[in-house]
N, C-alpha and C. Protein backbone atom coordinates (compact mmCIF):
# COMPACT_ATOMS: atom_id res chain seq x y z
N MET A 1 6.65 -1.48 -16.34
CA MET A 1 7.01 -0.10 -16.61
C MET A 1 8.09 0.38 -15.66
N TYR A 2 8.93 1.27 -16.16
CA TYR A 2 9.97 1.76 -15.29
C TYR A 2 10.06 3.28 -15.38
N GLU A 3 10.80 3.92 -14.45
CA GLU A 3 10.92 5.39 -14.39
C GLU A 3 12.26 5.78 -14.98
N PRO A 4 12.30 6.33 -16.21
CA PRO A 4 13.59 6.63 -16.85
C PRO A 4 14.36 7.70 -16.16
N GLN A 5 13.68 8.63 -15.42
CA GLN A 5 14.37 9.74 -14.80
C GLN A 5 15.20 9.29 -13.61
N LEU A 6 14.93 8.06 -13.06
CA LEU A 6 15.72 7.50 -11.98
C LEU A 6 17.02 6.88 -12.54
N THR A 7 17.07 6.75 -13.83
CA THR A 7 18.21 6.08 -14.46
C THR A 7 19.12 7.05 -15.19
N PHE A 8 18.50 7.96 -15.94
CA PHE A 8 19.26 8.91 -16.80
C PHE A 8 18.85 10.32 -16.42
N SER A 9 19.83 11.17 -16.06
CA SER A 9 19.56 12.51 -15.61
C SER A 9 18.84 13.34 -16.66
N HIS A 10 19.00 13.01 -17.95
CA HIS A 10 18.43 13.82 -19.02
C HIS A 10 17.03 13.30 -19.43
N ALA A 11 16.59 12.19 -18.83
CA ALA A 11 15.33 11.56 -19.24
C ALA A 11 14.16 12.37 -18.71
N GLY A 12 13.01 12.22 -19.48
CA GLY A 12 11.76 12.82 -19.07
C GLY A 12 11.10 12.09 -17.95
N PRO A 13 10.01 12.66 -17.38
CA PRO A 13 9.31 12.09 -16.21
C PRO A 13 8.30 10.96 -16.55
N GLU A 14 8.07 10.72 -17.87
CA GLU A 14 7.07 9.74 -18.26
C GLU A 14 7.60 8.30 -18.13
N MET A 15 6.86 7.41 -17.48
CA MET A 15 7.29 5.99 -17.38
C MET A 15 7.30 5.37 -18.75
N GLU A 16 8.14 4.31 -18.90
CA GLU A 16 8.30 3.70 -20.23
C GLU A 16 8.28 2.18 -20.00
N PRO A 17 7.89 1.38 -21.05
CA PRO A 17 7.91 -0.10 -20.93
C PRO A 17 9.38 -0.58 -20.94
N PHE A 18 9.60 -1.66 -20.30
CA PHE A 18 10.94 -2.25 -20.26
C PHE A 18 11.35 -2.72 -21.68
N ASN A 19 12.57 -2.43 -22.04
CA ASN A 19 13.14 -3.00 -23.32
C ASN A 19 13.65 -4.41 -23.08
N THR A 20 13.90 -5.09 -24.14
CA THR A 20 14.47 -6.47 -24.07
C THR A 20 15.77 -6.45 -24.91
N PRO A 21 16.91 -6.71 -24.34
CA PRO A 21 17.11 -6.97 -22.91
C PRO A 21 17.05 -5.64 -22.12
N VAL A 22 16.83 -5.73 -20.80
CA VAL A 22 16.69 -4.56 -19.96
C VAL A 22 18.07 -3.89 -19.80
N ASP A 23 18.11 -2.58 -20.00
CA ASP A 23 19.33 -1.81 -19.86
C ASP A 23 19.93 -2.03 -18.46
N GLN A 24 21.24 -2.26 -18.39
CA GLN A 24 21.84 -2.49 -17.13
C GLN A 24 21.69 -1.27 -16.19
N ASN A 25 21.68 -0.08 -16.74
CA ASN A 25 21.50 1.15 -15.90
C ASN A 25 20.14 1.12 -15.23
N VAL A 26 19.13 0.61 -15.94
CA VAL A 26 17.79 0.51 -15.34
C VAL A 26 17.81 -0.52 -14.21
N ILE A 27 18.43 -1.67 -14.42
CA ILE A 27 18.52 -2.73 -13.40
C ILE A 27 19.21 -2.17 -12.15
N GLU A 28 20.17 -1.34 -12.30
CA GLU A 28 20.94 -0.84 -11.13
C GLU A 28 20.16 0.27 -10.44
N SER A 29 19.13 0.86 -11.04
CA SER A 29 18.47 2.00 -10.43
C SER A 29 17.14 1.68 -9.78
N GLN A 30 16.50 0.53 -10.15
CA GLN A 30 15.19 0.22 -9.67
C GLN A 30 14.81 -1.23 -9.93
N ALA A 31 13.67 -1.63 -9.39
CA ALA A 31 13.21 -3.01 -9.58
C ALA A 31 12.84 -3.27 -11.02
N VAL A 32 13.02 -4.49 -11.48
CA VAL A 32 12.65 -4.88 -12.86
C VAL A 32 11.79 -6.14 -12.78
N LEU A 33 11.14 -6.47 -13.84
CA LEU A 33 10.23 -7.64 -13.82
C LEU A 33 10.89 -8.93 -13.43
N GLN A 34 12.14 -9.13 -13.84
CA GLN A 34 12.89 -10.29 -13.55
C GLN A 34 13.03 -10.57 -12.03
N ASP A 35 13.01 -9.42 -11.25
CA ASP A 35 13.09 -9.59 -9.81
C ASP A 35 11.96 -10.39 -9.20
N TYR A 36 10.79 -10.26 -9.82
CA TYR A 36 9.62 -10.95 -9.27
C TYR A 36 9.40 -12.34 -9.81
N LYS A 37 10.12 -12.70 -10.88
CA LYS A 37 9.94 -14.00 -11.51
C LYS A 37 10.27 -15.14 -10.57
N ASN A 38 9.37 -16.08 -10.41
CA ASN A 38 9.54 -17.26 -9.54
C ASN A 38 9.87 -16.89 -8.07
N SER A 39 9.34 -15.74 -7.64
CA SER A 39 9.65 -15.27 -6.29
C SER A 39 8.62 -15.67 -5.23
N ASN A 40 7.44 -16.15 -5.66
CA ASN A 40 6.29 -16.43 -4.84
C ASN A 40 5.62 -15.17 -4.34
N TYR A 41 6.02 -14.00 -4.82
CA TYR A 41 5.37 -12.73 -4.43
C TYR A 41 4.65 -12.15 -5.67
N THR A 42 3.49 -11.56 -5.41
CA THR A 42 2.81 -10.81 -6.48
C THR A 42 3.26 -9.38 -6.42
N LYS A 43 2.90 -8.62 -7.50
CA LYS A 43 3.26 -7.23 -7.56
C LYS A 43 2.12 -6.44 -6.93
N GLY A 44 2.30 -6.00 -5.68
CA GLY A 44 1.23 -5.34 -4.92
C GLY A 44 1.28 -3.79 -5.12
N HIS A 45 0.18 -3.24 -5.54
CA HIS A 45 0.11 -1.78 -5.72
C HIS A 45 0.12 -1.05 -4.33
N LEU A 46 0.80 0.07 -4.34
CA LEU A 46 0.65 1.05 -3.26
C LEU A 46 -0.52 2.00 -3.56
N ASN A 47 -0.41 2.68 -4.67
CA ASN A 47 -1.55 3.47 -5.13
C ASN A 47 -2.40 2.58 -5.99
N PRO A 48 -3.61 2.24 -5.56
CA PRO A 48 -4.37 1.18 -6.24
C PRO A 48 -4.87 1.64 -7.65
N SER A 49 -4.83 0.74 -8.56
CA SER A 49 -5.33 1.00 -9.95
C SER A 49 -6.80 1.37 -9.88
N MET A 50 -7.61 0.64 -9.05
CA MET A 50 -9.01 0.79 -9.02
C MET A 50 -9.44 2.18 -8.49
N HIS A 51 -8.55 2.92 -7.83
CA HIS A 51 -8.86 4.23 -7.30
C HIS A 51 -8.71 5.34 -8.32
N GLN A 52 -8.24 5.01 -9.51
CA GLN A 52 -8.04 6.02 -10.51
C GLN A 52 -9.20 6.17 -11.48
N LYS A 53 -9.45 7.39 -11.93
CA LYS A 53 -10.67 7.67 -12.68
C LYS A 53 -10.51 7.37 -14.15
N THR A 54 -9.35 7.68 -14.72
CA THR A 54 -9.15 7.50 -16.18
C THR A 54 -8.24 6.29 -16.48
N ARG A 55 -8.36 5.79 -17.71
CA ARG A 55 -7.49 4.67 -18.15
C ARG A 55 -6.07 5.06 -18.02
N GLU A 56 -5.69 6.28 -18.45
CA GLU A 56 -4.29 6.76 -18.40
C GLU A 56 -3.77 6.74 -16.94
N ASP A 57 -4.64 7.18 -16.00
CA ASP A 57 -4.21 7.16 -14.60
C ASP A 57 -4.07 5.75 -14.08
N ARG A 58 -4.95 4.82 -14.52
CA ARG A 58 -4.82 3.45 -14.04
C ARG A 58 -3.55 2.81 -14.55
N VAL A 59 -3.25 3.04 -15.82
CA VAL A 59 -2.03 2.49 -16.38
C VAL A 59 -0.81 2.98 -15.66
N ALA A 60 -0.86 4.29 -15.22
CA ALA A 60 0.29 4.89 -14.55
C ALA A 60 0.64 4.21 -13.20
N THR A 61 -0.29 3.47 -12.63
CA THR A 61 -0.03 2.80 -11.35
C THR A 61 0.83 1.54 -11.49
N PHE A 62 1.04 1.12 -12.74
CA PHE A 62 1.75 -0.17 -12.94
C PHE A 62 3.26 -0.03 -13.08
N THR A 63 3.82 1.13 -12.87
CA THR A 63 5.22 1.28 -12.78
C THR A 63 5.73 0.56 -11.54
N LEU A 64 6.88 -0.13 -11.64
CA LEU A 64 7.34 -0.91 -10.51
C LEU A 64 7.78 -0.08 -9.35
N THR A 65 7.88 1.22 -9.50
CA THR A 65 8.16 2.12 -8.35
C THR A 65 6.89 2.26 -7.49
N ASN A 66 5.74 1.87 -7.96
CA ASN A 66 4.51 1.87 -7.22
C ASN A 66 4.13 0.44 -6.73
N ILE A 67 5.11 -0.45 -6.79
CA ILE A 67 4.82 -1.87 -6.50
C ILE A 67 5.72 -2.36 -5.35
N VAL A 68 5.19 -3.23 -4.48
CA VAL A 68 5.97 -3.86 -3.49
C VAL A 68 5.65 -5.38 -3.56
N PRO A 69 6.54 -6.23 -3.10
CA PRO A 69 6.33 -7.67 -3.03
C PRO A 69 5.18 -7.94 -2.05
N GLN A 70 4.12 -8.52 -2.52
CA GLN A 70 2.93 -8.81 -1.65
C GLN A 70 2.49 -10.24 -1.88
N MET A 71 2.26 -10.94 -0.79
CA MET A 71 1.75 -12.28 -0.89
C MET A 71 0.39 -12.35 -1.50
N ALA A 72 0.08 -13.37 -2.26
CA ALA A 72 -1.18 -13.46 -2.97
C ALA A 72 -2.37 -13.43 -2.02
N GLY A 73 -2.23 -14.08 -0.83
CA GLY A 73 -3.32 -14.14 0.11
C GLY A 73 -3.67 -12.75 0.61
N SER A 74 -2.76 -11.83 0.63
CA SER A 74 -3.08 -10.43 0.98
C SER A 74 -3.49 -9.62 -0.19
N ASN A 75 -2.79 -9.74 -1.28
CA ASN A 75 -3.07 -8.91 -2.44
C ASN A 75 -4.48 -9.16 -3.06
N SER A 76 -4.90 -10.38 -3.07
CA SER A 76 -6.23 -10.70 -3.63
C SER A 76 -7.24 -10.98 -2.63
N GLY A 77 -6.86 -10.84 -1.31
CA GLY A 77 -7.78 -11.14 -0.22
C GLY A 77 -8.16 -9.93 0.59
N PRO A 78 -7.83 -9.91 1.93
CA PRO A 78 -8.25 -8.83 2.82
C PRO A 78 -7.76 -7.45 2.35
N TRP A 79 -6.55 -7.34 1.81
CA TRP A 79 -6.05 -6.01 1.41
C TRP A 79 -6.85 -5.50 0.22
N ASN A 80 -7.16 -6.36 -0.69
CA ASN A 80 -7.98 -5.94 -1.85
C ASN A 80 -9.36 -5.52 -1.37
N SER A 81 -9.91 -6.21 -0.39
CA SER A 81 -11.20 -5.82 0.14
C SER A 81 -11.17 -4.44 0.77
N LEU A 82 -10.06 -4.17 1.50
CA LEU A 82 -9.90 -2.83 2.14
C LEU A 82 -9.87 -1.75 1.08
N GLU A 83 -9.14 -1.93 0.02
CA GLU A 83 -9.10 -0.94 -1.06
C GLU A 83 -10.46 -0.63 -1.61
N LYS A 84 -11.25 -1.68 -1.80
CA LYS A 84 -12.63 -1.51 -2.34
C LYS A 84 -13.49 -0.76 -1.31
N GLN A 85 -13.34 -1.06 -0.04
CA GLN A 85 -14.13 -0.36 1.00
C GLN A 85 -13.82 1.13 1.05
N VAL A 86 -12.51 1.43 0.97
CA VAL A 86 -12.14 2.84 0.98
C VAL A 86 -12.76 3.58 -0.17
N LEU A 87 -12.70 2.95 -1.36
CA LEU A 87 -13.26 3.60 -2.53
C LEU A 87 -14.78 3.79 -2.36
N ARG A 88 -15.48 2.81 -1.80
CA ARG A 88 -16.92 2.96 -1.58
C ARG A 88 -17.22 4.10 -0.56
N LYS A 89 -16.42 4.18 0.44
CA LYS A 89 -16.63 5.32 1.41
C LYS A 89 -16.47 6.65 0.74
N PHE A 90 -15.42 6.74 -0.07
CA PHE A 90 -15.21 8.03 -0.76
C PHE A 90 -16.39 8.36 -1.65
N LYS A 91 -16.88 7.43 -2.41
CA LYS A 91 -17.97 7.71 -3.30
C LYS A 91 -19.32 8.00 -2.56
N ALA A 92 -19.47 7.37 -1.40
CA ALA A 92 -20.74 7.49 -0.68
C ALA A 92 -20.81 8.71 0.25
N PHE A 93 -19.67 9.08 0.86
CA PHE A 93 -19.73 10.08 1.91
C PHE A 93 -18.89 11.32 1.78
N CYS A 94 -17.81 11.24 0.99
CA CYS A 94 -16.96 12.44 0.81
C CYS A 94 -17.62 13.45 -0.10
N GLU A 95 -17.56 14.72 0.21
CA GLU A 95 -18.10 15.74 -0.65
C GLU A 95 -16.99 16.56 -1.30
N GLY A 96 -15.85 16.11 -1.22
CA GLY A 96 -14.69 16.74 -1.87
C GLY A 96 -13.64 15.68 -2.11
N PRO A 97 -12.38 16.05 -2.26
CA PRO A 97 -11.35 15.03 -2.48
C PRO A 97 -11.07 14.21 -1.20
N MET A 98 -10.71 12.97 -1.43
CA MET A 98 -10.15 12.14 -0.33
C MET A 98 -8.66 11.92 -0.57
N TYR A 99 -7.88 12.13 0.44
CA TYR A 99 -6.44 11.94 0.35
C TYR A 99 -6.05 10.64 1.00
N VAL A 100 -5.30 9.81 0.22
CA VAL A 100 -4.90 8.46 0.73
C VAL A 100 -3.40 8.33 0.69
N ILE A 101 -2.85 7.90 1.79
CA ILE A 101 -1.39 7.58 1.88
C ILE A 101 -1.28 6.11 2.17
N THR A 102 -0.50 5.40 1.38
CA THR A 102 -0.31 3.97 1.58
C THR A 102 1.21 3.66 1.61
N GLY A 103 1.58 2.75 2.45
CA GLY A 103 3.01 2.45 2.53
C GLY A 103 3.25 1.01 2.94
N ALA A 104 4.50 0.67 3.03
CA ALA A 104 4.94 -0.63 3.41
C ALA A 104 5.79 -0.59 4.67
N MET A 105 5.57 -1.52 5.61
CA MET A 105 6.34 -1.49 6.85
C MET A 105 7.35 -2.60 6.85
N PRO A 106 8.60 -2.27 7.06
CA PRO A 106 9.65 -3.31 7.05
C PRO A 106 9.61 -4.19 8.27
N TYR A 107 10.33 -5.31 8.16
CA TYR A 107 10.45 -6.20 9.35
C TYR A 107 11.25 -5.48 10.42
N ALA A 108 10.92 -5.73 11.68
CA ALA A 108 11.65 -5.12 12.79
C ALA A 108 13.03 -5.79 13.03
N ASN A 109 13.12 -7.04 12.63
CA ASN A 109 14.38 -7.82 12.92
C ASN A 109 15.22 -8.05 11.68
N GLY A 110 15.36 -7.01 10.87
CA GLY A 110 16.20 -7.15 9.67
C GLY A 110 15.43 -7.16 8.38
N THR A 111 15.95 -6.58 7.39
CA THR A 111 15.27 -6.49 6.10
C THR A 111 15.25 -7.85 5.38
N ARG A 112 14.13 -8.17 4.78
CA ARG A 112 14.01 -9.40 3.91
C ARG A 112 14.05 -8.90 2.48
N TRP A 113 14.63 -9.71 1.59
CA TRP A 113 14.80 -9.31 0.19
C TRP A 113 14.39 -10.37 -0.80
N ILE A 114 13.99 -9.96 -1.96
CA ILE A 114 13.93 -10.81 -3.16
C ILE A 114 15.25 -10.59 -3.90
N ARG A 115 15.99 -11.68 -4.03
CA ARG A 115 17.28 -11.62 -4.77
C ARG A 115 18.20 -10.54 -4.32
N ASN A 116 18.18 -10.18 -3.05
CA ASN A 116 19.04 -9.11 -2.54
C ASN A 116 18.84 -7.80 -3.23
N ARG A 117 17.59 -7.61 -3.78
CA ARG A 117 17.37 -6.36 -4.57
C ARG A 117 16.10 -5.62 -4.14
N VAL A 118 15.03 -6.35 -3.86
CA VAL A 118 13.73 -5.74 -3.61
C VAL A 118 13.31 -6.06 -2.17
N SER A 119 13.09 -5.02 -1.38
CA SER A 119 12.75 -5.18 0.04
C SER A 119 11.31 -5.71 0.17
N ILE A 120 11.15 -6.70 1.02
CA ILE A 120 9.81 -7.32 1.26
C ILE A 120 9.25 -6.72 2.55
N PRO A 121 8.03 -6.16 2.48
CA PRO A 121 7.44 -5.60 3.70
C PRO A 121 6.78 -6.69 4.56
N GLU A 122 6.79 -6.45 5.89
CA GLU A 122 6.09 -7.40 6.79
C GLU A 122 4.61 -7.01 6.81
N TYR A 123 4.29 -5.70 6.67
CA TYR A 123 2.93 -5.20 6.68
C TYR A 123 2.78 -4.15 5.58
N MET A 124 1.50 -4.02 5.18
CA MET A 124 1.09 -2.88 4.32
C MET A 124 0.23 -1.99 5.27
N TRP A 125 0.25 -0.69 4.98
CA TRP A 125 -0.61 0.19 5.76
C TRP A 125 -1.20 1.27 4.84
N SER A 126 -2.31 1.79 5.28
CA SER A 126 -2.97 2.80 4.49
C SER A 126 -3.79 3.74 5.41
N ALA A 127 -3.81 5.05 5.09
CA ALA A 127 -4.60 5.99 5.84
C ALA A 127 -5.30 6.93 4.87
N TYR A 128 -6.48 7.39 5.23
CA TYR A 128 -7.19 8.31 4.37
C TYR A 128 -7.65 9.52 5.16
N CYS A 129 -7.83 10.62 4.43
CA CYS A 129 -8.31 11.89 5.01
C CYS A 129 -9.39 12.42 4.07
N CYS A 130 -10.59 12.62 4.64
CA CYS A 130 -11.71 13.21 3.87
C CYS A 130 -12.15 14.47 4.60
N PRO A 131 -11.54 15.65 4.25
CA PRO A 131 -11.83 16.86 4.99
C PRO A 131 -13.24 17.35 4.94
N SER A 132 -13.93 17.07 3.83
CA SER A 132 -15.32 17.51 3.70
C SER A 132 -16.19 16.32 3.39
N TYR A 133 -17.17 16.07 4.28
CA TYR A 133 -18.02 14.89 4.15
C TYR A 133 -19.44 15.22 4.56
N LYS A 134 -20.35 14.30 4.24
CA LYS A 134 -21.77 14.53 4.47
C LYS A 134 -22.02 14.78 5.98
N ALA A 135 -22.94 15.72 6.26
CA ALA A 135 -23.24 16.07 7.63
C ALA A 135 -23.91 14.95 8.38
N LYS A 136 -24.82 14.24 7.69
CA LYS A 136 -25.53 13.15 8.35
C LYS A 136 -24.93 11.81 7.87
N LEU A 137 -24.13 11.23 8.76
CA LEU A 137 -23.50 9.92 8.53
C LEU A 137 -24.23 8.83 9.27
N PRO A 138 -24.30 7.62 8.74
CA PRO A 138 -24.87 6.51 9.53
C PRO A 138 -24.04 6.35 10.78
N ARG A 139 -24.65 5.88 11.84
CA ARG A 139 -23.97 5.78 13.11
C ARG A 139 -22.72 4.90 13.02
N ASP A 140 -22.79 3.81 12.30
CA ASP A 140 -21.63 2.91 12.21
C ASP A 140 -20.47 3.51 11.36
N VAL A 141 -20.78 4.59 10.61
CA VAL A 141 -19.77 5.20 9.75
C VAL A 141 -19.11 6.40 10.37
N ARG A 142 -19.75 7.00 11.36
CA ARG A 142 -19.23 8.24 11.91
C ARG A 142 -17.79 8.16 12.43
N PRO A 143 -17.39 7.04 13.11
CA PRO A 143 -16.00 6.98 13.59
C PRO A 143 -14.96 6.98 12.46
N LEU A 144 -15.40 6.77 11.20
CA LEU A 144 -14.47 6.57 10.10
C LEU A 144 -14.12 7.95 9.40
N PHE A 145 -14.66 9.04 9.93
CA PHE A 145 -14.43 10.33 9.30
C PHE A 145 -14.04 11.34 10.36
N PRO A 146 -13.11 12.27 10.01
CA PRO A 146 -12.60 12.53 8.67
C PRO A 146 -11.36 11.68 8.31
N THR A 147 -10.80 10.94 9.33
CA THR A 147 -9.66 10.08 9.01
C THR A 147 -9.89 8.67 9.55
N TYR A 148 -9.20 7.76 8.94
CA TYR A 148 -9.19 6.37 9.40
C TYR A 148 -8.01 5.71 8.79
N ALA A 149 -7.65 4.48 9.28
CA ALA A 149 -6.44 3.82 8.80
C ALA A 149 -6.55 2.32 8.95
N ALA A 150 -5.58 1.62 8.42
CA ALA A 150 -5.55 0.17 8.53
C ALA A 150 -4.12 -0.37 8.32
N VAL A 151 -3.89 -1.47 8.91
CA VAL A 151 -2.63 -2.24 8.72
C VAL A 151 -2.97 -3.64 8.31
N GLY A 152 -2.31 -4.15 7.22
CA GLY A 152 -2.56 -5.50 6.75
C GLY A 152 -1.31 -6.35 6.85
N ARG A 153 -1.45 -7.59 7.20
CA ARG A 153 -0.35 -8.56 7.34
C ARG A 153 0.11 -8.97 5.89
N ASN A 154 1.45 -9.07 5.69
CA ASN A 154 1.94 -9.58 4.47
C ASN A 154 2.82 -10.85 4.69
N ASP A 155 2.75 -11.30 5.95
CA ASP A 155 3.51 -12.53 6.32
C ASP A 155 2.62 -13.27 7.32
N CYS A 156 2.17 -14.41 6.90
CA CYS A 156 1.24 -15.20 7.73
C CYS A 156 1.89 -15.73 8.96
N ASP A 157 3.25 -15.68 9.03
CA ASP A 157 3.93 -16.18 10.19
C ASP A 157 4.30 -15.09 11.15
N SER A 158 3.96 -13.86 10.87
CA SER A 158 4.30 -12.78 11.81
C SER A 158 3.54 -12.93 13.09
N GLY A 159 4.01 -12.29 14.15
CA GLY A 159 3.30 -12.28 15.42
C GLY A 159 2.02 -11.50 15.35
N GLU A 160 1.25 -11.53 16.38
CA GLU A 160 -0.08 -10.90 16.34
C GLU A 160 -0.16 -9.60 17.16
N GLU A 161 1.00 -9.05 17.56
CA GLU A 161 0.97 -7.84 18.37
C GLU A 161 0.44 -6.64 17.62
N ILE A 162 0.59 -6.56 16.32
CA ILE A 162 0.09 -5.45 15.52
C ILE A 162 -1.28 -5.78 14.90
N VAL A 163 -1.35 -6.96 14.24
CA VAL A 163 -2.60 -7.40 13.65
C VAL A 163 -2.90 -8.83 14.01
N PRO A 164 -3.98 -9.01 14.81
CA PRO A 164 -4.38 -10.36 15.19
C PRO A 164 -4.80 -11.21 13.97
N VAL A 165 -4.73 -12.51 14.13
CA VAL A 165 -5.13 -13.45 13.07
C VAL A 165 -6.55 -13.96 13.38
N ASN A 166 -7.39 -13.88 12.37
CA ASN A 166 -8.78 -14.39 12.45
C ASN A 166 -8.80 -15.84 11.96
N PRO A 167 -8.97 -16.79 12.90
CA PRO A 167 -8.98 -18.23 12.48
C PRO A 167 -10.15 -18.57 11.65
N LYS A 168 -11.13 -17.72 11.55
CA LYS A 168 -12.34 -18.03 10.77
C LYS A 168 -12.18 -17.74 9.31
N LEU A 169 -11.11 -17.02 8.91
CA LEU A 169 -10.87 -16.79 7.49
C LEU A 169 -10.59 -18.06 6.79
N ARG A 170 -10.97 -18.15 5.54
CA ARG A 170 -10.70 -19.41 4.79
C ARG A 170 -9.21 -19.63 4.72
N ARG A 171 -8.76 -20.86 4.59
CA ARG A 171 -7.39 -21.20 4.74
C ARG A 171 -6.41 -20.42 3.85
N SER A 172 -6.82 -20.11 2.62
CA SER A 172 -5.93 -19.46 1.69
C SER A 172 -5.66 -18.00 2.12
N LEU A 173 -6.53 -17.47 3.00
CA LEU A 173 -6.42 -16.07 3.42
C LEU A 173 -5.92 -15.91 4.85
N GLN A 174 -5.85 -17.03 5.55
CA GLN A 174 -5.45 -16.95 6.96
C GLN A 174 -4.04 -16.41 7.14
N GLY A 175 -3.94 -15.48 8.07
CA GLY A 175 -2.66 -14.85 8.35
C GLY A 175 -2.43 -13.59 7.57
N TYR A 176 -3.36 -13.23 6.67
CA TYR A 176 -3.22 -12.00 5.89
C TYR A 176 -4.33 -10.99 6.28
N ASP A 177 -4.66 -10.99 7.55
CA ASP A 177 -5.72 -10.19 8.06
C ASP A 177 -5.38 -8.69 7.96
N VAL A 178 -6.43 -7.87 8.00
CA VAL A 178 -6.33 -6.41 7.99
C VAL A 178 -6.96 -5.91 9.29
N ARG A 179 -6.27 -5.05 10.03
CA ARG A 179 -6.80 -4.43 11.23
C ARG A 179 -7.06 -2.98 10.93
N LYS A 180 -8.34 -2.56 11.07
CA LYS A 180 -8.73 -1.14 10.92
C LYS A 180 -8.54 -0.42 12.25
N MET A 181 -8.19 0.83 12.17
CA MET A 181 -7.90 1.59 13.43
C MET A 181 -7.96 3.07 13.18
N PRO A 182 -8.02 3.89 14.24
CA PRO A 182 -7.92 5.35 14.11
C PRO A 182 -6.56 5.75 13.55
N LEU A 183 -6.50 6.87 12.91
CA LEU A 183 -5.20 7.35 12.35
C LEU A 183 -4.14 7.45 13.39
N GLU A 184 -4.47 7.89 14.57
CA GLU A 184 -3.48 8.08 15.63
C GLU A 184 -2.82 6.72 16.07
N THR A 185 -3.63 5.61 15.98
CA THR A 185 -3.09 4.30 16.33
C THR A 185 -2.04 3.92 15.27
N LEU A 186 -2.34 4.10 13.97
CA LEU A 186 -1.38 3.78 12.91
C LEU A 186 -0.11 4.59 13.11
N GLU A 187 -0.29 5.93 13.35
CA GLU A 187 0.91 6.74 13.49
C GLU A 187 1.78 6.26 14.69
N SER A 188 1.15 5.80 15.76
CA SER A 188 1.91 5.28 16.89
C SER A 188 2.63 4.01 16.50
N ILE A 189 2.01 3.12 15.76
CA ILE A 189 2.66 1.87 15.33
C ILE A 189 3.85 2.20 14.39
N LEU A 190 3.64 3.09 13.48
CA LEU A 190 4.72 3.45 12.55
C LEU A 190 5.88 4.14 13.31
N ALA A 191 5.56 4.97 14.25
CA ALA A 191 6.59 5.68 15.02
C ALA A 191 7.46 4.71 15.81
N GLN A 192 6.81 3.65 16.37
CA GLN A 192 7.57 2.66 17.11
C GLN A 192 8.41 1.79 16.17
N ARG A 193 7.84 1.38 15.05
CA ARG A 193 8.58 0.53 14.12
C ARG A 193 9.74 1.26 13.43
N LEU A 194 9.51 2.51 13.08
CA LEU A 194 10.50 3.29 12.33
C LEU A 194 11.41 4.16 13.22
N ALA A 195 11.09 4.20 14.53
CA ALA A 195 11.87 4.95 15.48
C ALA A 195 11.96 6.45 15.09
N MET A 196 10.84 7.04 14.70
CA MET A 196 10.79 8.44 14.37
C MET A 196 9.38 8.93 14.53
N SER A 197 9.23 10.26 14.69
CA SER A 197 7.95 10.90 14.84
C SER A 197 7.21 10.82 13.52
N ILE A 198 5.89 10.50 13.58
CA ILE A 198 5.10 10.33 12.35
C ILE A 198 3.85 11.19 12.45
N SER A 199 3.59 12.04 11.44
CA SER A 199 2.30 12.71 11.32
C SER A 199 1.95 12.66 9.86
N LEU A 200 1.06 11.70 9.52
CA LEU A 200 0.81 11.42 8.13
C LEU A 200 0.18 12.55 7.31
N PHE A 201 -0.72 13.29 7.93
CA PHE A 201 -1.34 14.42 7.23
C PHE A 201 -0.90 15.77 7.78
N ASP A 202 0.13 15.75 8.56
CA ASP A 202 0.76 16.95 9.16
C ASP A 202 -0.31 17.75 9.89
N GLY A 203 -1.26 17.10 10.54
CA GLY A 203 -2.28 17.80 11.27
C GLY A 203 -3.28 18.65 10.45
N GLN A 204 -3.30 18.37 9.17
CA GLN A 204 -4.12 19.10 8.28
C GLN A 204 -5.52 18.53 8.04
N CYS A 205 -5.81 17.42 8.67
CA CYS A 205 -7.13 16.75 8.48
C CYS A 205 -7.77 16.54 9.85
N GLN A 206 -8.48 17.58 10.30
CA GLN A 206 -9.11 17.54 11.64
C GLN A 206 -10.64 17.38 11.48
């Protein structure tokens, strides 16, 4: 699926399926399916499909503007497990909405690309904010509210200064570890990598 309003100024906001052949204007404005073909990267969701309540909302997550190149070991492994854990915490302990921000962190030493068109992230990151939650939380869950965050490796050859590698993971998942952390730690990592001040929830989730 693609976003027509990124291509044509008169187009509506509803995403549309790709035509065959793909309009050149679409190719020049955003990623297309051909970019991922034979690339060794899966289409990794930023806003997870499983977090959506209705079928219409789940379908809406499959636009390529919500997708980044993600290695299979991350997408179907530790990162997928993290998304499920966040959803379980929301259902079990939040008493109102949970706000989730997810993003991709570029390489520090130059951008990597698929076909010189789609930027490949070195890490995925996610943070959540649950302003209203149950008063009595299990002891092991208390540090996770009202905010928490995580960074996941998308390159098994990256250094371990941000996310250590767990050698006990099965071979197909090794190097795609996820490190959970307080929100402030993630903000500090992003501020250093992006060379700018970062406040993900603008101080609104205390």
